[in-house]
Amino acid sequence: MRPKSLIAVLGGLFLAAACAAPEPAVTPSPTTARDEALTAAEALGDYSSLDYCSLVDQKKVIGGGNAVKPPLTSFEFCRLEFVEGANRYTVTTGPITSGQDPNNQPYDYAGLLPEGVSVQQSTFNEDTTCTRLLTFADGIRLAVAVTSDNTAPANQADRCRIADATVGSASGAITARKVGRLNLDQRSWGRVAPCATLDQHELDAAAGPETKPAPALSGHSCIRGKVSFSLSVGADTTPGATEALGGRQAQVVTSGAFCQVTTHRPIPGTPERVEQAMLSVVGVDGAEGDATCAAAREVAVVVFPKLP
C-alpha cells in the first residue's frame, strides 16, 4: 500500500513519526490578516482536523500535467499524483514537524510568504526527492516532498519546480484564509487519539513499563517506547493473508527488527479508500521474527478493540 512507501520517502523528516462522503469539506480557518510573525497554529488552526489537501491548488501544482486520480486526503498529509510528459509525479504535502534536523538547510524561495514564514530545503534523498519545508515563526514546519517515476538526478529541477509551486499554493491558501477542516463521519478513526489507546498498563511489557506515550504534532500517530501506532487513509487494495486480532482482520508482516500489524476500515460511500490503523513493535536488542510479532499481536489485541 502506498502509505508505506510514503514513510520511506519522508523518513528523514519525521520519526516512525486520506469523495462524496466523507470527503473533506473546505471551511475557512480562523486565520486573520496580520502584521506579526505567523505561527503554525494561527495559520493552520487545529492540527488534528487540518485538511492538507485544502493547501494544494491542483491547477497551480500540476500546471499543464494531467491528474492521475483525485488527491488522497489522509489525516497527516495530502498526496497528488499527475503525469507531465513521459513522467509521473507524486506530490506529498504534510506532515507537520518540529525540532532540529541536520538535513534542513536554508533556501532562497522566490515567492511571496506571510510575515515571519520562511522556506527551507532538505538534503534527505536530495538526488531523487525534492523537499521543501514551509517554516512558521514558531519553528513548526509543513513538509512538501516531490518524487517521480524517473528518478534520474537530471529530473531534480522539475521535481523542485513542482515543490516550489506547491509551497506557493499552500502559502496562498493560508494568506487567503482558505485552510480547510476534515469532515469525518462519527466512526472515523480520524477522531481517535492514538496516544490514549497506548496509555494502558496492559501494554507495559511490550512498550516498556517506564515509557510514556509521545504524540506527533498532527495528533494521528503516537510512540510509546518500542510501540508506535498510526492512523491514516489509503487506497483500497486487495489484502494479503489476514488473521483475527482484537476483533478485526489484520495483516502481520515483518521488516527487519520491526513487526507491523495493520487493519482497515471501509469509508462509507468511498469504496476506493480505506482508513488504516498500523501498529509497529521493534524487537529488543534487534530481535526479529516470532518474538517481536508475538508482542505486536498482544498489542493489537489490546488496542484494536478501542477503535470505533
Foldseek 3Di string as FASTA:
>chain_A
DCVVVVCVQCVLPDPCHFADPPDFDWDFDPADDDQDFDDPCNQQPQLLFWFQCLLFDPCLQQPPWAWPDPWTTKRFWIWTWTDDDPKIKIKIKGHKAADDHPQWAADDQPDDAHHQWGKIWGPRLLQFKTWIWTAGNVRITIIIIMGMPPRGSVCSVVRNVSSSSSVVSNRVCSNVRRTGTGDHDPQDCSVPQVQVLCPDCLLCVQQPVVWHWDAGSSRAKIHTHQKIKGKIKDFDDDDDDWDDALNFTWDWDWDFQKIKIKGWAARPRCNGMIMMMMMMGGDDPRDTDPVRVVSVSSSRNRRVPVRD
